[in-house]
Amino acid sequence: MGKNNKPKKGQEVKIIAGKYKGQVGKVLNVFPKDDKVIIENINVAKRHVKPNQQNQTGGIINKEKPIHISNVRVVENG
């Protein structure tokens, strides 16, 4: 077990601080410059979007927002 135990894309992590403390999820994206991660179905916000070429109807979508890397810990399996 090394000191550099930063989460990587696809790993399971547990939130250790904040509003979602105790929840476990899979890392979808990592932003090393900002020290933030996006976790599946955690810190979800509703976003109002206008119709455009990709999304013809527009409407309200759910979007995961980033969480600071210090608030998560990698879950060790095994």
PDB file of N, CA and C in Angstrom:
ATOM      1  N   MET A   1       0.844  -1.177   0.000  1.00  0.00           N
ATOM      2  CA  MET A   1       0.000   0.000   0.000  1.00  0.00           C
ATOM      3  C   MET A   1       0.889   1.239   0.000  1.00  0.00           C
ATOM      4  N   GLY A   2       0.890   1.977  -1.126  1.00  0.00           N
ATOM      5  CA  GLY A   2       1.755   3.137  -1.267  1.00  0.00           C
ATOM      6  C   GLY A   2       1.094   4.423  -0.794  1.00  0.00           C
ATOM      7  N   LYS A   3       1.896   5.444  -0.659  1.00  0.00           N
ATOM      8  CA  LYS A   3       1.407   6.755  -0.240  1.00  0.00           C
ATOM      9  C   LYS A   3       0.599   7.413  -1.354  1.00  0.00           C
ATOM     10  N   ASN A   4       0.991   7.165  -2.611  1.00  0.00           N
ATOM     11  CA  ASN A   4       0.318   7.760  -3.763  1.00  0.00           C
ATOM     12  C   ASN A   4      -0.873   6.892  -4.167  1.00  0.00           C
ATOM     13  N   ASN A   5      -1.980   7.046  -3.464  1.00  0.00           N
ATOM     14  CA  ASN A   5      -3.158   6.217  -3.703  1.00  0.00           C
ATOM     15  C   ASN A   5      -4.275   7.065  -4.297  1.00  0.00           C
ATOM     16  N   LYS A   6      -3.962   7.756  -5.409  1.00  0.00           N
ATOM     17  CA  LYS A   6      -4.946   8.615  -6.055  1.00  0.00           C
ATOM     18  C   LYS A   6      -5.885   7.777  -6.909  1.00  0.00           C
ATOM     19  N   PRO A   7      -7.164   8.147  -6.950  1.00  0.00           N
ATOM     20  CA  PRO A   7      -8.130   7.376  -7.746  1.00  0.00           C
ATOM     21  C   PRO A   7      -7.872   7.524  -9.244  1.00  0.00           C
ATOM     22  N   LYS A   8      -8.153   6.451  -9.957  1.00  0.00           N
ATOM     23  CA  LYS A   8      -8.033   6.443 -11.407  1.00  0.00           C
ATOM     24  C   LYS A   8      -9.393   6.104 -12.001  1.00  0.00           C
ATOM     25  N   LYS A   9      -9.570   6.408 -13.271  1.00  0.00           N
ATOM     26  CA  LYS A   9     -10.828   6.164 -13.964  1.00  0.00           C
ATOM     27  C   LYS A   9     -11.202   4.679 -13.872  1.00  0.00           C
ATOM     28  N   GLY A  10     -12.442   4.411 -13.477  1.00  0.00           N
ATOM     29  CA  GLY A  10     -12.932   3.040 -13.385  1.00  0.00           C
ATOM     30  C   GLY A  10     -12.821   2.425 -12.002  1.00  0.00           C
ATOM     31  N   GLN A  11     -12.072   3.054 -11.081  1.00  0.00           N
ATOM     32  CA  GLN A  11     -11.916   2.496  -9.737  1.00  0.00           C
ATOM     33  C   GLN A  11     -13.134   2.817  -8.864  1.00  0.00           C
ATOM     34  N   GLU A  12     -13.356   1.962  -7.859  1.00  0.00           N
ATOM     35  CA  GLU A  12     -14.397   2.211  -6.862  1.00  0.00           C
ATOM     36  C   GLU A  12     -13.818   3.099  -5.773  1.00  0.00           C
ATOM     37  N   VAL A  13     -14.556   4.143  -5.405  1.00  0.00           N
ATOM     38  CA  VAL A  13     -14.115   5.039  -4.338  1.00  0.00           C
ATOM     39  C   VAL A  13     -15.241   5.240  -3.330  1.00  0.00           C
ATOM     40  N   LYS A  14     -14.853   5.595  -2.103  1.00  0.00           N
ATOM     41  CA  LYS A  14     -15.805   5.893  -1.046  1.00  0.00           C
ATOM     42  C   LYS A  14     -15.628   7.357  -0.667  1.00  0.00           C
ATOM     43  N   ILE A  15     -16.743   8.077  -0.523  1.00  0.00           N
ATOM     44  CA  ILE A  15     -16.677   9.479  -0.123  1.00  0.00           C
ATOM     45  C   ILE A  15     -16.481   9.516   1.388  1.00  0.00           C
ATOM     46  N   ILE A  16     -15.457  10.252   1.853  1.00  0.00           N
ATOM     47  CA  ILE A  16     -15.120  10.264   3.277  1.00  0.00           C
ATOM     48  C   ILE A  16     -15.468  11.587   3.950  1.00  0.00           C
ATOM     49  N   ALA A  17     -15.934  12.582   3.176  1.00  0.00           N
ATOM     50  CA  ALA A  17     -16.290  13.871   3.765  1.00  0.00           C
ATOM     51  C   ALA A  17     -17.336  14.557   2.901  1.00  0.00           C
ATOM     52  N   GLY A  18     -18.137  15.394   3.529  1.00  0.00           N
ATOM     53  CA  GLY A  18     -19.100  16.199   2.787  1.00  0.00           C
ATOM     54  C   GLY A  18     -20.490  15.608   2.781  1.00  0.00           C
ATOM     55  N   LYS A  19     -21.328  16.150   1.931  1.00  0.00           N
ATOM     56  CA  LYS A  19     -22.752  15.812   1.847  1.00  0.00           C
ATOM     57  C   LYS A  19     -22.992  14.331   1.528  1.00  0.00           C
ATOM     58  N   TYR A  20     -22.125  13.732   0.750  1.00  0.00           N
ATOM     59  CA  TYR A  20     -22.315  12.343   0.299  1.00  0.00           C
ATOM     60  C   TYR A  20     -21.444  11.359   1.067  1.00  0.00           C
ATOM     61  N   LYS A  21     -21.020  11.706   2.266  1.00  0.00           N
ATOM     62  CA  LYS A  21     -20.138  10.879   3.088  1.00  0.00           C
ATOM     63  C   LYS A  21     -20.711   9.472   3.264  1.00  0.00           C
ATOM     64  N   GLY A  22     -19.842   8.466   3.054  1.00  0.00           N
ATOM     65  CA  GLY A  22     -20.236   7.073   3.235  1.00  0.00           C
ATOM     66  C   GLY A  22     -20.693   6.384   1.965  1.00  0.00           C
ATOM     67  N   GLN A  23     -20.998   7.139   0.917  1.00  0.00           N
ATOM     68  CA  GLN A  23     -21.462   6.528  -0.329  1.00  0.00           C
ATOM     69  C   GLN A  23     -20.283   6.034  -1.158  1.00  0.00           C
ATOM     70  N   VAL A  24     -20.544   5.006  -1.956  1.00  0.00           N
ATOM     71  CA  VAL A  24     -19.509   4.399  -2.797  1.00  0.00           C
ATOM     72  C   VAL A  24     -19.947   4.515  -4.249  1.00  0.00           C
ATOM     73  N   GLY A  25     -18.984   4.816  -5.128  1.00  0.00           N
ATOM     74  CA  GLY A  25     -19.293   4.920  -6.541  1.00  0.00           C
ATOM     75  C   GLY A  25     -18.067   4.703  -7.392  1.00  0.00           C
ATOM     76  N   LYS A  26     -18.291   4.660  -8.709  1.00  0.00           N
ATOM     77  CA  LYS A  26     -17.220   4.421  -9.673  1.00  0.00           C
ATOM     78  C   LYS A  26     -16.759   5.751 -10.261  1.00  0.00           C
ATOM     79  N   VAL A  27     -15.448   5.928 -10.391  1.00  0.00           N
ATOM     80  CA  VAL A  27     -14.882   7.153 -10.948  1.00  0.00           C
ATOM     81  C   VAL A  27     -15.118   7.171 -12.460  1.00  0.00           C
ATOM     82  N   LEU A  28     -15.765   8.243 -12.942  1.00  0.00           N
ATOM     83  CA  LEU A  28     -16.015   8.396 -14.372  1.00  0.00           C
ATOM     84  C   LEU A  28     -14.930   9.212 -15.053  1.00  0.00           C
ATOM     85  N   ASN A  29     -14.378  10.201 -14.325  1.00  0.00           N
ATOM     86  CA  ASN A  29     -13.397  11.095 -14.921  1.00  0.00           C
ATOM     87  C   ASN A  29     -12.520  11.684 -13.825  1.00  0.00           C
ATOM     88  N   VAL A  30     -11.251  11.957 -14.146  1.00  0.00           N
ATOM     89  CA  VAL A  30     -10.311  12.534 -13.184  1.00  0.00           C
ATOM     90  C   VAL A  30      -9.714  13.804 -13.796  1.00  0.00           C
ATOM     91  N   PHE A  31      -9.654  14.875 -12.992  1.00  0.00           N
ATOM     92  CA  PHE A  31      -9.044  16.133 -13.411  1.00  0.00           C
ATOM     93  C   PHE A  31      -7.838  16.399 -12.511  1.00  0.00           C
ATOM     94  N   PRO A  32      -6.640  15.905 -12.880  1.00  0.00           N
ATOM     95  CA  PRO A  32      -5.466  16.032 -12.012  1.00  0.00           C
ATOM     96  C   PRO A  32      -5.034  17.477 -11.765  1.00  0.00           C
ATOM     97  N   LYS A  33      -5.202  18.368 -12.736  1.00  0.00           N
ATOM     98  CA  LYS A  33      -4.797  19.765 -12.547  1.00  0.00           C
ATOM     99  C   LYS A  33      -5.642  20.457 -11.484  1.00  0.00           C
ATOM    100  N   ASP A  34      -6.930  20.108 -11.418  1.00  0.00           N
ATOM    101  CA  ASP A  34      -7.838  20.720 -10.447  1.00  0.00           C
ATOM    102  C   ASP A  34      -7.978  19.886  -9.179  1.00  0.00           C
ATOM    103  N   ASP A  35      -7.367  18.686  -9.138  1.00  0.00           N
ATOM    104  CA  ASP A  35      -7.514  17.747  -8.023  1.00  0.00           C
ATOM    105  C   ASP A  35      -8.984  17.422  -7.769  1.00  0.00           C
ATOM    106  N   LYS A  36      -9.719  17.112  -8.837  1.00  0.00           N
ATOM    107  CA  LYS A  36     -11.141  16.774  -8.706  1.00  0.00           C
ATOM    108  C   LYS A  36     -11.451  15.501  -9.477  1.00  0.00           C
ATOM    109  N   VAL A  37     -12.529  14.824  -9.051  1.00  0.00           N
ATOM    110  CA  VAL A  37     -12.996  13.622  -9.724  1.00  0.00           C
ATOM    111  C   VAL A  37     -14.507  13.701  -9.902  1.00  0.00           C
ATOM    112  N   ILE A  38     -15.002  13.025 -10.935  1.00  0.00           N
ATOM    113  CA  ILE A  38     -16.446  12.880 -11.130  1.00  0.00           C
ATOM    114  C   ILE A  38     -16.785  11.434 -10.827  1.00  0.00           C
ATOM    115  N   ILE A  39     -17.779  11.239  -9.941  1.00  0.00           N
ATOM    116  CA  ILE A  39     -18.183   9.903  -9.511  1.00  0.00           C
ATOM    117  C   ILE A  39     -19.612   9.645  -9.979  1.00  0.00           C
ATOM    118  N   GLU A  40     -19.837   8.438 -10.470  1.00  0.00           N
ATOM    119  CA  GLU A  40     -21.127   8.049 -11.019  1.00  0.00           C
ATOM    120  C   GLU A  40     -22.245   8.186  -9.985  1.00  0.00           C
ATOM    121  N   ASN A  41     -23.302   8.908 -10.339  1.00  0.00           N
ATOM    122  CA  ASN A  41     -24.512   9.113  -9.525  1.00  0.00           C
ATOM    123  C   ASN A  41     -24.253   9.793  -8.185  1.00  0.00           C
ATOM    124  N   ILE A  42     -23.149  10.539  -8.063  1.00  0.00           N
ATOM    125  CA  ILE A  42     -22.850  11.304  -6.851  1.00  0.00           C
ATOM    126  C   ILE A  42     -22.733  12.772  -7.241  1.00  0.00           C
ATOM    127  N   ASN A  43     -23.265  13.670  -6.404  1.00  0.00           N
ATOM    128  CA  ASN A  43     -23.220  15.113  -6.633  1.00  0.00           C
ATOM    129  C   ASN A  43     -23.866  15.463  -7.974  1.00  0.00           C
ATOM    130  N   VAL A  44     -25.097  15.006  -8.170  1.00  0.00           N
ATOM    131  CA  VAL A  44     -25.831  15.211  -9.416  1.00  0.00           C
ATOM    132  C   VAL A  44     -26.622  16.514  -9.337  1.00  0.00           C
ATOM    133  N   ALA A  45     -26.520  17.333 -10.379  1.00  0.00           N
ATOM    134  CA  ALA A  45     -27.260  18.588 -10.463  1.00  0.00           C
ATOM    135  C   ALA A  45     -28.148  18.553 -11.701  1.00  0.00           C
ATOM    136  N   LYS A  46     -29.265  19.250 -11.628  1.00  0.00           N
ATOM    137  CA  LYS A  46     -30.142  19.366 -12.795  1.00  0.00           C
ATOM    138  C   LYS A  46     -29.644  20.531 -13.633  1.00  0.00           C
ATOM    139  N   ARG A  47     -29.587  20.322 -14.952  1.00  0.00           N
ATOM    140  CA  ARG A  47     -29.061  21.332 -15.854  1.00  0.00           C
ATOM    141  C   ARG A  47     -30.102  21.586 -16.936  1.00  0.00           C
ATOM    142  N   HIS A  48     -30.478  22.841 -17.129  1.00  0.00           N
ATOM    143  CA  HIS A  48     -31.424  23.218 -18.178  1.00  0.00           C
ATOM    144  C   HIS A  48     -30.641  23.480 -19.455  1.00  0.00           C
ATOM    145  N   VAL A  49     -30.995  22.769 -20.522  1.00  0.00           N
ATOM    146  CA  VAL A  49     -30.259  22.920 -21.785  1.00  0.00           C
ATOM    147  C   VAL A  49     -31.204  23.345 -22.902  1.00  0.00           C
ATOM    148  N   LYS A  50     -30.685  24.217 -23.768  1.00  0.00           N
ATOM    149  CA  LYS A  50     -31.434  24.663 -24.937  1.00  0.00           C
ATOM    150  C   LYS A  50     -31.356  23.600 -26.026  1.00  0.00           C
ATOM    151  N   PRO A  51     -32.323  23.561 -26.904  1.00  0.00           N
ATOM    152  CA  PRO A  51     -32.213  22.660 -28.051  1.00  0.00           C
ATOM    153  C   PRO A  51     -31.022  23.051 -28.936  1.00  0.00           C
ATOM    154  N   ASN A  52     -30.303  22.044 -29.431  1.00  0.00           N
ATOM    155  CA  ASN A  52     -29.192  22.278 -30.347  1.00  0.00           C
ATOM    156  C   ASN A  52     -29.079  21.096 -31.296  1.00  0.00           C
ATOM    157  N   GLN A  53     -28.023  21.045 -32.109  1.00  0.00           N
ATOM    158  CA  GLN A  53     -27.869  19.970 -33.090  1.00  0.00           C
ATOM    159  C   GLN A  53     -27.825  18.584 -32.449  1.00  0.00           C
ATOM    160  N   GLN A  54     -27.094  18.434 -31.324  1.00  0.00           N
ATOM    161  CA  GLN A  54     -26.968  17.130 -30.682  1.00  0.00           C
ATOM    162  C   GLN A  54     -28.224  16.777 -29.888  1.00  0.00           C
ATOM    163  N   ASN A  55     -28.839  17.764 -29.248  1.00  0.00           N
ATOM    164  CA  ASN A  55     -30.017  17.536 -28.406  1.00  0.00           C
ATOM    165  C   ASN A  55     -31.165  18.353 -28.981  1.00  0.00           C
ATOM    166  N   GLN A  56     -31.934  17.744 -29.861  1.00  0.00           N
ATOM    167  CA  GLN A  56     -32.979  18.452 -30.599  1.00  0.00           C
ATOM    168  C   GLN A  56     -34.098  18.984 -29.694  1.00  0.00           C
ATOM    169  N   THR A  57     -34.377  18.273 -28.590  1.00  0.00           N
ATOM    170  CA  THR A  57     -35.512  18.662 -27.752  1.00  0.00           C
ATOM    171  C   THR A  57     -35.140  19.627 -26.638  1.00  0.00           C
ATOM    172  N   GLY A  58     -33.894  19.574 -26.147  1.00  0.00           N
ATOM    173  CA  GLY A  58     -33.516  20.410 -25.004  1.00  0.00           C
ATOM    174  C   GLY A  58     -34.137  19.836 -23.739  1.00  0.00           C
ATOM    175  N   GLY A  59     -34.406  20.692 -22.748  1.00  0.00           N
ATOM    176  CA  GLY A  59     -35.056  20.235 -21.518  1.00  0.00           C
ATOM    177  C   GLY A  59     -34.092  20.211 -20.343  1.00  0.00           C
ATOM    178  N   ILE A  60     -34.401  19.367 -19.367  1.00  0.00           N
ATOM    179  CA  ILE A  60     -33.613  19.277 -18.140  1.00  0.00           C
ATOM    180  C   ILE A  60     -32.863  17.947 -18.137  1.00  0.00           C
ATOM    181  N   ILE A  61     -31.541  18.022 -17.908  1.00  0.00           N
ATOM    182  CA  ILE A  61     -30.736  16.802 -17.822  1.00  0.00           C
ATOM    183  C   ILE A  61     -30.059  16.749 -16.459  1.00  0.00           C
ATOM    184  N   ASN A  62     -29.715  15.546 -16.015  1.00  0.00           N
ATOM    185  CA  ASN A  62     -28.959  15.366 -14.781  1.00  0.00           C
ATOM    186  C   ASN A  62     -27.488  15.256 -15.140  1.00  0.00           C
ATOM    187  N   LYS A  63     -26.646  15.992 -14.408  1.00  0.00           N
ATOM    188  CA  LYS A  63     -25.216  16.025 -14.706  1.00  0.00           C
ATOM    189  C   LYS A  63     -24.428  15.877 -13.415  1.00  0.00           C
ATOM    190  N   GLU A  64     -23.430  14.964 -13.426  1.00  0.00           N
ATOM    191  CA  GLU A  64     -22.565  14.789 -12.263  1.00  0.00           C
ATOM    192  C   GLU A  64     -21.565  15.936 -12.195  1.00  0.00           C
ATOM    193  N   LYS A  65     -21.398  16.500 -11.014  1.00  0.00           N
ATOM    194  CA  LYS A  65     -20.461  17.585 -10.787  1.00  0.00           C
ATOM    195  C   LYS A  65     -19.222  17.025 -10.083  1.00  0.00           C
ATOM    196  N   PRO A  66     -18.057  17.678 -10.258  1.00  0.00           N
ATOM    197  CA  PRO A  66     -16.824  17.168  -9.641  1.00  0.00           C
ATOM    198  C   PRO A  66     -16.783  17.328  -8.125  1.00  0.00           C
ATOM    199  N   ILE A  67     -16.040  16.423  -7.470  1.00  0.00           N
ATOM    200  CA  ILE A  67     -15.791  16.451  -6.027  1.00  0.00           C
ATOM    201  C   ILE A  67     -14.279  16.517  -5.845  1.00  0.00           C
ATOM    202  N   HIS A  68     -13.822  17.232  -4.824  1.00  0.00           N
ATOM    203  CA  HIS A  68     -12.381  17.354  -4.583  1.00  0.00           C
ATOM    204  C   HIS A  68     -11.805  15.984  -4.218  1.00  0.00           C
ATOM    205  N   ILE A  69     -10.602  15.728  -4.707  1.00  0.00           N
ATOM    206  CA  ILE A  69      -9.948  14.428  -4.563  1.00  0.00           C
ATOM    207  C   ILE A  69      -9.658  14.083  -3.098  1.00  0.00           C
ATOM    208  N   SER A  70      -9.536  15.100  -2.234  1.00  0.00           N
ATOM    209  CA  SER A  70      -9.250  14.854  -0.815  1.00  0.00           C
ATOM    210  C   SER A  70     -10.458  14.289  -0.076  1.00  0.00           C
ATOM    211  N   ASN A  71     -11.644  14.373  -0.679  1.00  0.00           N
ATOM    212  CA  ASN A  71     -12.861  13.880  -0.041  1.00  0.00           C
ATOM    213  C   ASN A  71     -13.211  12.445  -0.424  1.00  0.00           C
ATOM    214  N   VAL A  72     -12.347  11.799  -1.207  1.00  0.00           N
ATOM    215  CA  VAL A  72     -12.609  10.420  -1.614  1.00  0.00           C
ATOM    216  C   VAL A  72     -11.414   9.538  -1.270  1.00  0.00           C
ATOM    217  N   ARG A  73     -11.699   8.254  -1.074  1.00  0.00           N
ATOM    218  CA  ARG A  73     -10.648   7.272  -0.802  1.00  0.00           C
ATOM    219  C   ARG A  73     -10.937   6.041  -1.654  1.00  0.00           C
ATOM    220  N   VAL A  74      -9.882   5.485  -2.271  1.00  0.00           N
ATOM    221  CA  VAL A  74     -10.021   4.301  -3.108  1.00  0.00           C
ATOM    222  C   VAL A  74     -10.396   3.112  -2.243  1.00  0.00           C
ATOM    223  N   VAL A  75     -11.407   2.349  -2.687  1.00  0.00           N
ATOM    224  CA  VAL A  75     -11.820   1.137  -1.981  1.00  0.00           C
ATOM    225  C   VAL A  75     -10.920   0.009  -2.435  1.00  0.00           C
ATOM    226  N   GLU A  76     -10.221  -0.613  -1.498  1.00  0.00           N
ATOM    227  CA  GLU A  76      -9.298  -1.705  -1.823  1.00  0.00           C
ATOM    228  C   GLU A  76     -10.054  -3.017  -1.815  1.00  0.00           C
ATOM    229  N   ASN A  77     -10.043  -3.732  -2.930  1.00  0.00           N
ATOM    230  CA  ASN A  77     -10.692  -5.040  -3.018  1.00  0.00           C
ATOM    231  C   ASN A  77      -9.627  -6.123  -2.910  1.00  0.00           C
ATOM    232  N   GLY A  78      -9.811  -6.977  -1.910  1.00  0.00           N
ATOM    233  CA  GLY A  78      -8.877  -8.088  -1.776  1.00  0.00           C
ATOM    234  C   GLY A  78      -8.030  -7.906  -0.639  1.00  0.00           C
TER     235      GLY A  78
END
